[in-house]
Structures are given as structure tokens and as C-alpha cells.
């Protein structure tokens, strides 16, 4: 399922960018793409850190190291957003829409899983 999430992140970003290109100024579309790339990169970094942290053969991994890497990731993303905004390279609403790519994807995935489970008759009604 995780590989599906990763693939769908790119599809959601492509869809948002594709819709914004003909309907909005180029700066807005660039902002959507910039936000989407930032959030997808952050999502991949989070996956990498957590996968290493919870590896069965990893007995030396300390929770403090994982938290440090987590905050480092957030700091890098925050600094990138600050730089893009400070240099006025992006539209704030387009950036916000791009930063929502993973959230949109996860909500759509949850909805599709819910619909699929109910279409299959789950959960069974208690009699």
C-alpha cells in the first residue's frame, strides 16, 4: 500500500499542476509544483528515517536520533518555504495547495479503502 501512496502523490501533484496551468497564472502553477515537490520530498525523507529506525536488526537506533532527524527534516522544509516566500518566487495559495498533495492523497486513499471495504460487506453488522 505504501508504494501506492508514493505513486499517487505524483499523480495528485500532476493533476493539480495540470488543472492550474490553463486556469491560473504561471506563478500560481509554479507554486503548486514547488509545494508538491517539497512535501513529497519530505514524505520520502520521513519514510526513509522511520524505515531505518524500525528495522529489526537496528538495535543501536535511539529515539533521540530519530526525533533529531525528524526536526531536521521539518527545519529544512520550513527554511525552503521561507526562502520561496521571502524571495517572492511563489504564490502563497498555490504553495499551500501544493503542500496539500500528500493530505489530499491520503484522504482519497482512505475514502477509497472505506468504500471498498463497505462494498465487500465489511464490517459485518452485529446481529
Protein backbone atom coordinates (compact mmCIF):
# COMPACT_ATOMS: atom_id res chain seq x y z
CA UNK A 1 0.00 0.00 0.00
CA UNK A 2 2.89 2.37 0.70
CA UNK A 3 4.18 2.17 -2.87
CA UNK A 4 0.63 3.03 -3.96
CA UNK A 5 0.72 6.13 -1.76
CA UNK A 6 4.07 7.19 -3.23
CA UNK A 7 2.80 6.76 -6.80
CA UNK A 8 -0.47 8.53 -6.12
CA UNK A 9 1.38 11.51 -4.61
CA UNK A 10 2.89 12.12 -8.04
CA UNK A 11 -0.49 11.65 -9.75
CA UNK A 12 -2.15 14.14 -7.40
CA UNK A 13 0.65 16.66 -8.00
CA UNK A 14 0.39 16.18 -11.76
CA UNK A 15 -3.37 16.61 -11.59
CA UNK A 16 -3.20 19.79 -9.53
CA UNK A 17 -0.48 21.24 -11.75
CA UNK A 18 -2.34 20.20 -14.89
CA UNK A 19 -5.54 21.88 -13.75
CA UNK A 20 -3.78 25.03 -12.56
CA UNK A 21 -1.71 25.56 -15.72
CA UNK A 22 -4.56 26.59 -18.05
CA UNK A 23 -6.68 28.20 -15.31
CA UNK A 24 -4.21 30.21 -13.26
CA UNK A 25 -1.15 32.41 -13.80
CA UNK A 26 2.18 30.61 -14.28
CA UNK A 27 3.37 31.79 -10.84
CA UNK A 28 0.46 30.02 -9.16
CA UNK A 29 1.16 26.81 -11.09
CA UNK A 30 4.86 27.03 -10.26
CA UNK A 31 3.88 27.43 -6.62
CA UNK A 32 1.71 24.31 -6.73
CA UNK A 33 4.60 22.33 -8.20
CA UNK A 34 7.13 23.77 -5.72
CA UNK A 35 4.89 22.95 -2.75
CA UNK A 36 4.18 19.48 -4.09
CA UNK A 37 7.86 18.72 -4.61
CA UNK A 38 8.69 19.93 -1.11
CA UNK A 39 6.02 17.85 0.58
CA UNK A 40 6.75 14.73 -1.47
CA UNK A 41 10.47 15.04 -0.70
CA UNK A 42 9.64 15.46 2.98
CA UNK A 43 7.34 12.44 2.88
CA UNK A 44 10.08 10.31 1.31
CA UNK A 45 12.60 11.53 3.89
CA UNK A 46 10.19 10.66 6.70
CA UNK A 47 9.68 7.20 5.22
CA UNK A 48 13.45 6.69 5.00
CA UNK A 49 14.05 7.73 8.62
CA UNK A 50 11.22 5.61 10.01
CA UNK A 51 12.15 2.58 7.92
CA UNK A 52 15.70 2.71 9.26
CA UNK A 53 14.51 3.34 12.81
CA UNK A 54 12.20 0.32 12.88
CA UNK A 55 14.45 -2.12 11.09
CA UNK A 56 14.63 -5.37 13.12
CA UNK A 57 18.43 -5.53 13.03
CA UNK A 58 18.73 -1.95 14.25
CA UNK A 59 19.36 -2.15 17.99
CA UNK A 60 21.55 0.94 18.30
CA UNK A 61 18.98 3.40 16.96
CA UNK A 62 17.99 5.80 19.71
CA UNK A 63 14.67 7.63 19.77
CA UNK A 64 16.55 10.91 20.22
CA UNK A 65 18.33 10.39 16.89
CA UNK A 66 15.03 9.70 15.13
CA UNK A 67 13.48 12.83 16.65
CA UNK A 68 16.53 14.89 15.70
CA UNK A 69 16.25 13.71 12.10
CA UNK A 70 12.51 14.43 12.17
CA UNK A 71 13.05 18.01 13.34
CA UNK A 72 15.92 18.47 10.88
CA UNK A 73 13.58 17.46 8.05
CA UNK A 74 10.92 19.90 9.21
CA UNK A 75 13.52 22.67 9.57
CA UNK A 76 14.80 22.16 6.03
CA UNK A 77 11.26 22.22 4.64
CA UNK A 78 10.45 25.30 6.71
CA UNK A 79 13.57 27.12 5.51
CA UNK A 80 12.78 26.24 1.91
CA UNK A 81 9.23 27.59 2.29
CA UNK A 82 10.58 30.72 4.00
CA UNK A 83 13.10 31.30 1.20
CA UNK A 84 10.49 30.82 -1.53
CA UNK A 85 8.12 33.22 0.21
CA UNK A 86 10.77 35.77 1.17
CA UNK A 87 12.15 35.95 -2.36
CA UNK A 88 8.56 36.22 -3.66
CA UNK A 89 9.09 33.33 -6.05
CA UNK A 90 5.78 31.66 -5.25
CA UNK A 91 2.15 32.50 -4.73
CA UNK A 92 1.17 31.67 -1.11
CA UNK A 93 -2.13 30.00 -2.05
CA UNK A 94 -0.52 27.94 -4.81
CA UNK A 95 2.21 26.86 -2.40
CA UNK A 96 -0.42 25.88 0.17
CA UNK A 97 -2.27 23.86 -2.44
CA UNK A 98 0.96 22.12 -3.44
CA UNK A 99 1.83 21.40 0.17
CA UNK A 100 -1.55 19.66 0.47
CA UNK A 101 -0.68 16.95 -2.07
CA UNK A 102 0.03 14.23 0.50
CA UNK A 103 -3.03 15.14 2.58
CA UNK A 104 -5.28 15.04 -0.50
CA UNK A 105 -3.77 11.71 -1.47
CA UNK A 106 -4.22 10.16 1.99
CA UNK A 107 -7.83 11.39 2.25
CA UNK A 108 -8.62 9.97 -1.20
CA UNK A 109 -6.94 6.69 -0.28
CA UNK A 110 -8.87 6.47 2.99
CA UNK A 111 -12.11 7.17 1.15
CA UNK A 112 -11.42 4.54 -1.49
CA UNK A 113 -10.48 1.94 1.16
CA UNK A 114 -13.64 2.76 3.10
CA UNK A 115 -15.80 2.41 0.01
CA UNK A 116 -14.08 -0.81 -0.99
CA UNK A 117 -14.49 -2.35 2.47
CA UNK A 118 -18.18 -1.44 2.57
CA UNK A 119 -18.75 -2.69 -0.97
CA UNK A 120 -17.32 -6.05 0.10
CA UNK A 121 -19.76 -6.22 3.03
CA UNK A 122 -17.34 -5.25 5.80
CA UNK A 123 -17.82 -4.57 8.60
CA UNK A 124 -20.48 -7.15 9.18
CA UNK A 125 -23.49 -5.95 11.12
CA UNK A 126 -23.74 -7.36 14.61
CA UNK A 127 -26.92 -9.38 14.95
